[in-house]
Amino acid sequence: MNRKIVVGVTAGAVALAGAALYFAKRRNDRKKFEANAAEAKENFKGKLNELQRKAGKELKSAENDAKQAVNSAKERANDWVSNAQA
């Protein structure tokens, strides 16, 4: 009977140790996933900020190009009017 108790206690301890290892691994995997997700979030924020900055520069450049085109058109129109009146 003593042997059965020892075998039972040993089997229980082995089962508990296995369960503890299993849950520790799952917790570690979850922590790794959370760390990777946080890193991806930061990378995405950085990329988004970079895209916003580039879009702002492109908008200003397009605005300047449009102003130059309007001024050029005004000058041509004024030249045509001047030539037509002469």
PDB file of N, CA and C in Angstrom:
ATOM      1  N   MET A   1       0.817  -1.179   0.000  1.00  0.00           N
ATOM      2  CA  MET A   1       0.000   0.000   0.000  1.00  0.00           C
ATOM      3  C   MET A   1       0.870   1.254   0.000  1.00  0.00           C
ATOM      4  N   ASN A   2       1.938   1.225   0.693  1.00  0.00           N
ATOM      5  CA  ASN A   2       2.851   2.352   0.719  1.00  0.00           C
ATOM      6  C   ASN A   2       3.354   2.683  -0.679  1.00  0.00           C
ATOM      7  N   ARG A   3       3.605   1.639  -1.432  1.00  0.00           N
ATOM      8  CA  ARG A   3       4.121   1.848  -2.782  1.00  0.00           C
ATOM      9  C   ARG A   3       3.078   2.544  -3.647  1.00  0.00           C
ATOM     10  N   LYS A   4       1.833   2.203  -3.519  1.00  0.00           N
ATOM     11  CA  LYS A   4       0.757   2.835  -4.288  1.00  0.00           C
ATOM     12  C   LYS A   4       0.653   4.322  -3.954  1.00  0.00           C
ATOM     13  N   ILE A   5       0.815   4.667  -2.710  1.00  0.00           N
ATOM     14  CA  ILE A   5       0.749   6.071  -2.294  1.00  0.00           C
ATOM     15  C   ILE A   5       1.914   6.852  -2.896  1.00  0.00           C
ATOM     16  N   VAL A   6       3.104   6.276  -2.832  1.00  0.00           N
ATOM     17  CA  VAL A   6       4.284   6.940  -3.388  1.00  0.00           C
ATOM     18  C   VAL A   6       4.117   7.125  -4.884  1.00  0.00           C
ATOM     19  N   VAL A   7       3.646   6.116  -5.570  1.00  0.00           N
ATOM     20  CA  VAL A   7       3.435   6.207  -7.020  1.00  0.00           C
ATOM     21  C   VAL A   7       2.360   7.252  -7.317  1.00  0.00           C
ATOM     22  N   GLY A   8       1.309   7.291  -6.558  1.00  0.00           N
ATOM     23  CA  GLY A   8       0.232   8.266  -6.760  1.00  0.00           C
ATOM     24  C   GLY A   8       0.713   9.693  -6.530  1.00  0.00           C
ATOM     25  N   VAL A   9       1.454   9.903  -5.460  1.00  0.00           N
ATOM     26  CA  VAL A   9       1.979  11.236  -5.149  1.00  0.00           C
ATOM     27  C   VAL A   9       2.973  11.659  -6.222  1.00  0.00           C
ATOM     28  N   THR A  10       3.818  10.737  -6.650  1.00  0.00           N
ATOM     29  CA  THR A  10       4.801  11.042  -7.692  1.00  0.00           C
ATOM     30  C   THR A  10       4.095  11.387  -8.999  1.00  0.00           C
ATOM     31  N   ALA A  11       3.093  10.637  -9.366  1.00  0.00           N
ATOM     32  CA  ALA A  11       2.347  10.906 -10.596  1.00  0.00           C
ATOM     33  C   ALA A  11       1.649  12.272 -10.502  1.00  0.00           C
ATOM     34  N   GLY A  12       1.101  12.576  -9.352  1.00  0.00           N
ATOM     35  CA  GLY A  12       0.459  13.873  -9.155  1.00  0.00           C
ATOM     36  C   GLY A  12       1.458  15.017  -9.268  1.00  0.00           C
ATOM     37  N   ALA A  13       2.626  14.826  -8.684  1.00  0.00           N
ATOM     38  CA  ALA A  13       3.658  15.863  -8.756  1.00  0.00           C
ATOM     39  C   ALA A  13       4.127  16.067 -10.191  1.00  0.00           C
ATOM     40  N   VAL A  14       4.290  14.963 -10.910  1.00  0.00           N
ATOM     41  CA  VAL A  14       4.703  15.061 -12.313  1.00  0.00           C
ATOM     42  C   VAL A  14       3.621  15.771 -13.123  1.00  0.00           C
ATOM     43  N   ALA A  15       2.379  15.462 -12.885  1.00  0.00           N
ATOM     44  CA  ALA A  15       1.277  16.107 -13.606  1.00  0.00           C
ATOM     45  C   ALA A  15       1.228  17.594 -13.285  1.00  0.00           C
ATOM     46  N   LEU A  16       1.389  17.949 -12.030  1.00  0.00           N
ATOM     47  CA  LEU A  16       1.400  19.362 -11.649  1.00  0.00           C
ATOM     48  C   LEU A  16       2.588  20.099 -12.266  1.00  0.00           C
ATOM     49  N   ALA A  17       3.749  19.456 -12.284  1.00  0.00           N
ATOM     50  CA  ALA A  17       4.933  20.082 -12.885  1.00  0.00           C
ATOM     51  C   ALA A  17       4.709  20.292 -14.378  1.00  0.00           C
ATOM     52  N   GLY A  18       4.117  19.300 -15.032  1.00  0.00           N
ATOM     53  CA  GLY A  18       3.812  19.437 -16.468  1.00  0.00           C
ATOM     54  C   GLY A  18       2.830  20.556 -16.722  1.00  0.00           C
ATOM     55  N   ALA A  19       1.805  20.645 -15.900  1.00  0.00           N
ATOM     56  CA  ALA A  19       0.821  21.724 -16.064  1.00  0.00           C
ATOM     57  C   ALA A  19       1.469  23.078 -15.808  1.00  0.00           C
ATOM     58  N   ALA A  20       2.339  23.150 -14.807  1.00  0.00           N
ATOM     59  CA  ALA A  20       3.021  24.413 -14.507  1.00  0.00           C
ATOM     60  C   ALA A  20       3.903  24.833 -15.681  1.00  0.00           C
ATOM     61  N   LEU A  21       4.618  23.900 -16.271  1.00  0.00           N
ATOM     62  CA  LEU A  21       5.449  24.212 -17.438  1.00  0.00           C
ATOM     63  C   LEU A  21       4.594  24.670 -18.617  1.00  0.00           C
ATOM     64  N   TYR A  22       3.482  23.997 -18.823  1.00  0.00           N
ATOM     65  CA  TYR A  22       2.587  24.348 -19.926  1.00  0.00           C
ATOM     66  C   TYR A  22       2.070  25.783 -19.773  1.00  0.00           C
ATOM     67  N   PHE A  23       1.591  26.110 -18.584  1.00  0.00           N
ATOM     68  CA  PHE A  23       1.047  27.451 -18.372  1.00  0.00           C
ATOM     69  C   PHE A  23       2.139  28.521 -18.368  1.00  0.00           C
ATOM     70  N   ALA A  24       3.314  28.182 -17.883  1.00  0.00           N
ATOM     71  CA  ALA A  24       4.427  29.135 -17.916  1.00  0.00           C
ATOM     72  C   ALA A  24       4.810  29.437 -19.367  1.00  0.00           C
ATOM     73  N   LYS A  25       4.823  28.410 -20.203  1.00  0.00           N
ATOM     74  CA  LYS A  25       5.141  28.614 -21.618  1.00  0.00           C
ATOM     75  C   LYS A  25       4.070  29.468 -22.288  1.00  0.00           C
ATOM     76  N   ARG A  26       2.814  29.204 -21.988  1.00  0.00           N
ATOM     77  CA  ARG A  26       1.732  30.018 -22.575  1.00  0.00           C
ATOM     78  C   ARG A  26       1.844  31.471 -22.138  1.00  0.00           C
ATOM     79  N   ARG A  27       2.154  31.699 -20.865  1.00  0.00           N
ATOM     80  CA  ARG A  27       2.296  33.056 -20.367  1.00  0.00           C
ATOM     81  C   ARG A  27       3.477  33.744 -21.052  1.00  0.00           C
ATOM     82  N   ASN A  28       4.572  33.025 -21.224  1.00  0.00           N
ATOM     83  CA  ASN A  28       5.749  33.568 -21.894  1.00  0.00           C
ATOM     84  C   ASN A  28       5.428  33.886 -23.358  1.00  0.00           C
ATOM     85  N   ASP A  29       4.691  33.000 -24.024  1.00  0.00           N
ATOM     86  CA  ASP A  29       4.297  33.247 -25.419  1.00  0.00           C
ATOM     87  C   ASP A  29       3.409  34.484 -25.514  1.00  0.00           C
ATOM     88  N   ARG A  30       2.497  34.640 -24.575  1.00  0.00           N
ATOM     89  CA  ARG A  30       1.611  35.801 -24.570  1.00  0.00           C
ATOM     90  C   ARG A  30       2.418  37.085 -24.367  1.00  0.00           C
ATOM     91  N   LYS A  31       3.397  37.032 -23.468  1.00  0.00           N
ATOM     92  CA  LYS A  31       4.230  38.216 -23.221  1.00  0.00           C
ATOM     93  C   LYS A  31       5.041  38.567 -24.472  1.00  0.00           C
ATOM     94  N   LYS A  32       5.553  37.564 -25.155  1.00  0.00           N
ATOM     95  CA  LYS A  32       6.291  37.813 -26.403  1.00  0.00           C
ATOM     96  C   LYS A  32       5.365  38.430 -27.440  1.00  0.00           C
ATOM     97  N   PHE A  33       4.156  37.888 -27.550  1.00  0.00           N
ATOM     98  CA  PHE A  33       3.189  38.427 -28.509  1.00  0.00           C
ATOM     99  C   PHE A  33       2.857  39.877 -28.177  1.00  0.00           C
ATOM    100  N   GLU A  34       2.639  40.166 -26.903  1.00  0.00           N
ATOM    101  CA  GLU A  34       2.327  41.540 -26.493  1.00  0.00           C
ATOM    102  C   GLU A  34       3.491  42.479 -26.793  1.00  0.00           C
ATOM    103  N   ALA A  35       4.712  42.004 -26.565  1.00  0.00           N
ATOM    104  CA  ALA A  35       5.886  42.830 -26.859  1.00  0.00           C
ATOM    105  C   ALA A  35       5.989  43.089 -28.365  1.00  0.00           C
ATOM    106  N   ASN A  36       5.765  42.061 -29.165  1.00  0.00           N
ATOM    107  CA  ASN A  36       5.805  42.223 -30.620  1.00  0.00           C
ATOM    108  C   ASN A  36       4.700  43.156 -31.104  1.00  0.00           C
ATOM    109  N   ALA A  37       3.533  43.042 -30.501  1.00  0.00           N
ATOM    110  CA  ALA A  37       2.420  43.913 -30.885  1.00  0.00           C
ATOM    111  C   ALA A  37       2.727  45.365 -30.527  1.00  0.00           C
ATOM    112  N   ALA A  38       3.319  45.579 -29.370  1.00  0.00           N
ATOM    113  CA  ALA A  38       3.677  46.945 -28.960  1.00  0.00           C
ATOM    114  C   ALA A  38       4.740  47.526 -29.894  1.00  0.00           C
ATOM    115  N   GLU A  39       5.707  46.698 -30.287  1.00  0.00           N
ATOM    116  CA  GLU A  39       6.745  47.154 -31.209  1.00  0.00           C
ATOM    117  C   GLU A  39       6.150  47.488 -32.576  1.00  0.00           C
ATOM    118  N   ALA A  40       5.242  46.635 -33.054  1.00  0.00           N
ATOM    119  CA  ALA A  40       4.587  46.899 -34.336  1.00  0.00           C
ATOM    120  C   ALA A  40       3.763  48.180 -34.269  1.00  0.00           C
ATOM    121  N   LYS A  41       3.122  48.411 -33.139  1.00  0.00           N
ATOM    122  CA  LYS A  41       2.331  49.631 -32.950  1.00  0.00           C
ATOM    123  C   LYS A  41       3.221  50.869 -33.034  1.00  0.00           C
ATOM    124  N   GLU A  42       4.372  50.827 -32.377  1.00  0.00           N
ATOM    125  CA  GLU A  42       5.299  51.955 -32.415  1.00  0.00           C
ATOM    126  C   GLU A  42       5.843  52.182 -33.824  1.00  0.00           C
ATOM    127  N   ASN A  43       6.178  51.087 -34.506  1.00  0.00           N
ATOM    128  CA  ASN A  43       6.654  51.209 -35.888  1.00  0.00           C
ATOM    129  C   ASN A  43       5.581  51.824 -36.780  1.00  0.00           C
ATOM    130  N   PHE A  44       4.340  51.405 -36.591  1.00  0.00           N
ATOM    131  CA  PHE A  44       3.240  51.934 -37.387  1.00  0.00           C
ATOM    132  C   PHE A  44       3.050  53.420 -37.117  1.00  0.00           C
ATOM    133  N   LYS A  45       3.144  53.810 -35.848  1.00  0.00           N
ATOM    134  CA  LYS A  45       3.014  55.235 -35.500  1.00  0.00           C
ATOM    135  C   LYS A  45       4.109  56.045 -36.183  1.00  0.00           C
ATOM    136  N   GLY A  46       5.333  55.525 -36.169  1.00  0.00           N
ATOM    137  CA  GLY A  46       6.445  56.214 -36.807  1.00  0.00           C
ATOM    138  C   GLY A  46       6.228  56.359 -38.309  1.00  0.00           C
ATOM    139  N   LYS A  47       5.789  55.290 -38.936  1.00  0.00           N
ATOM    140  CA  LYS A  47       5.525  55.334 -40.382  1.00  0.00           C
ATOM    141  C   LYS A  47       4.393  56.309 -40.684  1.00  0.00           C
ATOM    142  N   LEU A  48       3.365  56.298 -39.860  1.00  0.00           N
ATOM    143  CA  LEU A  48       2.240  57.200 -40.070  1.00  0.00           C
ATOM    144  C   LEU A  48       2.675  58.657 -39.938  1.00  0.00           C
ATOM    145  N   ASN A  49       3.481  58.956 -38.928  1.00  0.00           N
ATOM    146  CA  ASN A  49       3.978  60.325 -38.756  1.00  0.00           C
ATOM    147  C   ASN A  49       4.842  60.744 -39.934  1.00  0.00           C
ATOM    148  N   GLU A  50       5.662  59.821 -40.429  1.00  0.00           N
ATOM    149  CA  GLU A  50       6.502  60.127 -41.586  1.00  0.00           C
ATOM    150  C   GLU A  50       5.643  60.405 -42.824  1.00  0.00           C
ATOM    151  N   LEU A  51       4.611  59.606 -43.020  1.00  0.00           N
ATOM    152  CA  LEU A  51       3.711  59.821 -44.158  1.00  0.00           C
ATOM    153  C   LEU A  51       2.969  61.143 -44.037  1.00  0.00           C
ATOM    154  N   GLN A  52       2.550  61.499 -42.834  1.00  0.00           N
ATOM    155  CA  GLN A  52       1.868  62.781 -42.633  1.00  0.00           C
ATOM    156  C   GLN A  52       2.801  63.944 -42.952  1.00  0.00           C
ATOM    157  N   ARG A  53       4.048  63.831 -42.532  1.00  0.00           N
ATOM    158  CA  ARG A  53       5.021  64.887 -42.798  1.00  0.00           C
ATOM    159  C   ARG A  53       5.271  65.017 -44.303  1.00  0.00           C
ATOM    160  N   LYS A  54       5.431  63.888 -44.983  1.00  0.00           N
ATOM    161  CA  LYS A  54       5.649  63.913 -46.432  1.00  0.00           C
ATOM    162  C   LYS A  54       4.429  64.464 -47.165  1.00  0.00           C
ATOM    163  N   ALA A  55       3.237  64.089 -46.708  1.00  0.00           N
ATOM    164  CA  ALA A  55       2.013  64.593 -47.335  1.00  0.00           C
ATOM    165  C   ALA A  55       1.916  66.105 -47.171  1.00  0.00           C
ATOM    166  N   GLY A  56       2.298  66.608 -46.012  1.00  0.00           N
ATOM    167  CA  GLY A  56       2.288  68.058 -45.783  1.00  0.00           C
ATOM    168  C   GLY A  56       3.247  68.770 -46.715  1.00  0.00           C
ATOM    169  N   LYS A  57       4.432  68.211 -46.902  1.00  0.00           N
ATOM    170  CA  LYS A  57       5.403  68.807 -47.824  1.00  0.00           C
ATOM    171  C   LYS A  57       4.865  68.799 -49.252  1.00  0.00           C
ATOM    172  N   GLU A  58       4.270  67.683 -49.657  1.00  0.00           N
ATOM    173  CA  GLU A  58       3.720  67.583 -51.012  1.00  0.00           C
ATOM    174  C   GLU A  58       2.583  68.572 -51.207  1.00  0.00           C
ATOM    175  N   LEU A  59       1.763  68.764 -50.191  1.00  0.00           N
ATOM    176  CA  LEU A  59       0.661  69.715 -50.282  1.00  0.00           C
ATOM    177  C   LEU A  59       1.190  71.128 -50.469  1.00  0.00           C
ATOM    178  N   LYS A  60       2.210  71.489 -49.687  1.00  0.00           N
ATOM    179  CA  LYS A  60       2.795  72.828 -49.821  1.00  0.00           C
ATOM    180  C   LYS A  60       3.422  73.008 -51.198  1.00  0.00           C
ATOM    181  N   SER A  61       4.086  71.978 -51.681  1.00  0.00           N
ATOM    182  CA  SER A  61       4.717  72.043 -52.998  1.00  0.00           C
ATOM    183  C   SER A  61       3.654  72.193 -54.085  1.00  0.00           C
ATOM    184  N   ALA A  62       2.575  71.437 -53.967  1.00  0.00           N
ATOM    185  CA  ALA A  62       1.492  71.534 -54.951  1.00  0.00           C
ATOM    186  C   ALA A  62       0.837  72.907 -54.886  1.00  0.00           C
ATOM    187  N   GLU A  63       0.709  73.445 -53.695  1.00  0.00           N
ATOM    188  CA  GLU A  63       0.125  74.782 -53.536  1.00  0.00           C
ATOM    189  C   GLU A  63       1.001  75.827 -54.222  1.00  0.00           C
ATOM    190  N   ASN A  64       2.300  75.730 -54.028  1.00  0.00           N
ATOM    191  CA  ASN A  64       3.217  76.664 -54.681  1.00  0.00           C
ATOM    192  C   ASN A  64       3.179  76.515 -56.196  1.00  0.00           C
ATOM    193  N   ASP A  65       3.124  75.280 -56.677  1.00  0.00           N
ATOM    194  CA  ASP A  65       3.043  75.044 -58.123  1.00  0.00           C
ATOM    195  C   ASP A  65       1.760  75.643 -58.696  1.00  0.00           C
ATOM    196  N   ALA A  66       0.662  75.488 -57.964  1.00  0.00           N
ATOM    197  CA  ALA A  66      -0.616  76.033 -58.430  1.00  0.00           C
ATOM    198  C   ALA A  66      -0.566  77.559 -58.467  1.00  0.00           C
ATOM    199  N   LYS A  67       0.038  78.173 -57.447  1.00  0.00           N
ATOM    200  CA  LYS A  67       0.158  79.642 -57.436  1.00  0.00           C
ATOM    201  C   LYS A  67       1.001  80.124 -58.614  1.00  0.00           C
ATOM    202  N   GLN A  68       2.080  79.422 -58.894  1.00  0.00           N
ATOM    203  CA  GLN A  68       2.930  79.795 -60.018  1.00  0.00           C
ATOM    204  C   GLN A  68       2.170  79.661 -61.339  1.00  0.00           C
ATOM    205  N   ALA A  69       1.385  78.601 -61.480  1.00  0.00           N
ATOM    206  CA  ALA A  69       0.609  78.400 -62.705  1.00  0.00           C
ATOM    207  C   ALA A  69      -0.432  79.508 -62.863  1.00  0.00           C
ATOM    208  N   VAL A  70      -1.094  79.882 -61.777  1.00  0.00           N
ATOM    209  CA  VAL A  70      -2.094  80.956 -61.833  1.00  0.00           C
ATOM    210  C   VAL A  70      -1.420  82.274 -62.205  1.00  0.00           C
ATOM    211  N   ASN A  71      -0.289  82.570 -61.578  1.00  0.00           N
ATOM    212  CA  ASN A  71       0.422  83.813 -61.896  1.00  0.00           C
ATOM    213  C   ASN A  71       0.891  83.826 -63.351  1.00  0.00           C
ATOM    214  N   SER A  72       1.359  82.704 -63.832  1.00  0.00           N
ATOM    215  CA  SER A  72       1.791  82.614 -65.227  1.00  0.00           C
ATOM    216  C   SER A  72       0.608  82.839 -66.165  1.00  0.00           C
ATOM    217  N   ALA A  73      -0.535  82.262 -65.838  1.00  0.00           N
ATOM    218  CA  ALA A  73      -1.726  82.444 -66.666  1.00  0.00           C
ATOM    219  C   ALA A  73      -2.181  83.899 -66.644  1.00  0.00           C
ATOM    220  N   LYS A  74      -2.110  84.536 -65.492  1.00  0.00           N
ATOM    221  CA  LYS A  74      -2.479  85.952 -65.390  1.00  0.00           C
ATOM    222  C   LYS A  74      -1.559  86.807 -66.260  1.00  0.00           C
ATOM    223  N   GLU A  75      -0.267  86.519 -66.205  1.00  0.00           N
ATOM    224  CA  GLU A  75       0.685  87.274 -67.019  1.00  0.00           C
ATOM    225  C   GLU A  75       0.400  87.097 -68.508  1.00  0.00           C
ATOM    226  N   ARG A  76       0.114  85.897 -68.928  1.00  0.00           N
ATOM    227  CA  ARG A  76      -0.208  85.647 -70.342  1.00  0.00           C
ATOM    228  C   ARG A  76      -1.476  86.390 -70.749  1.00  0.00           C
ATOM    229  N   ALA A  77      -2.466  86.336 -69.874  1.00  0.00           N
ATOM    230  CA  ALA A  77      -3.722  87.014 -70.183  1.00  0.00           C
ATOM    231  C   ALA A  77      -3.492  88.518 -70.287  1.00  0.00           C
ATOM    232  N   ASN A  78      -2.720  89.065 -69.378  1.00  0.00           N
ATOM    233  CA  ASN A  78      -2.403  90.489 -69.428  1.00  0.00           C
ATOM    234  C   ASN A  78      -1.621  90.833 -70.703  1.00  0.00           C
ATOM    235  N   ASP A  79      -0.688  89.979 -71.096  1.00  0.00           N
ATOM    236  CA  ASP A  79       0.069  90.198 -72.334  1.00  0.00           C
ATOM    237  C   ASP A  79      -0.862  90.171 -73.546  1.00  0.00           C
ATOM    238  N   TRP A  80      -1.801  89.233 -73.585  1.00  0.00           N
ATOM    239  CA  TRP A  80      -2.734  89.133 -74.714  1.00  0.00           C
ATOM    240  C   TRP A  80      -3.608  90.385 -74.792  1.00  0.00           C
ATOM    241  N   VAL A  81      -4.066  90.799 -73.600  1.00  0.00           N
ATOM    242  CA  VAL A  81      -4.918  91.997 -73.567  1.00  0.00           C
ATOM    243  C   VAL A  81      -4.111  93.217 -74.040  1.00  0.00           C
ATOM    244  N   SER A  82      -2.874  93.327 -73.588  1.00  0.00           N
ATOM    245  CA  SER A  82      -2.017  94.440 -73.992  1.00  0.00           C
ATOM    246  C   SER A  82      -1.747  94.410 -75.489  1.00  0.00           C
ATOM    247  N   ASN A  83      -1.497  93.244 -76.022  1.00  0.00           N
ATOM    248  CA  ASN A  83      -1.244  93.103 -77.459  1.00  0.00           C
ATOM    249  C   ASN A  83      -2.509  93.369 -78.272  1.00  0.00           C
ATOM    250  N   ALA A  84      -3.641  92.967 -77.747  1.00  0.00           N
ATOM    251  CA  ALA A  84      -4.896  93.189 -78.465  1.00  0.00           C
ATOM    252  C   ALA A  84      -5.263  94.653 -78.498  1.00  0.00           C
ATOM    253  N   GLN A  85      -4.919  95.403 -77.456  1.00  0.00           N
ATOM    254  CA  GLN A  85      -5.236  96.829 -77.396  1.00  0.00           C
ATOM    255  C   GLN A  85      -4.248  97.663 -78.200  1.00  0.00           C
ATOM    256  N   ALA A  86      -3.098  97.130 -78.475  1.00  0.00           N
ATOM    257  CA  ALA A  86      -2.067  97.899 -79.195  1.00  0.00           C
ATOM    258  C   ALA A  86      -2.279  97.931 -80.672  1.00  0.00           C
TER     259      ALA A  86
END
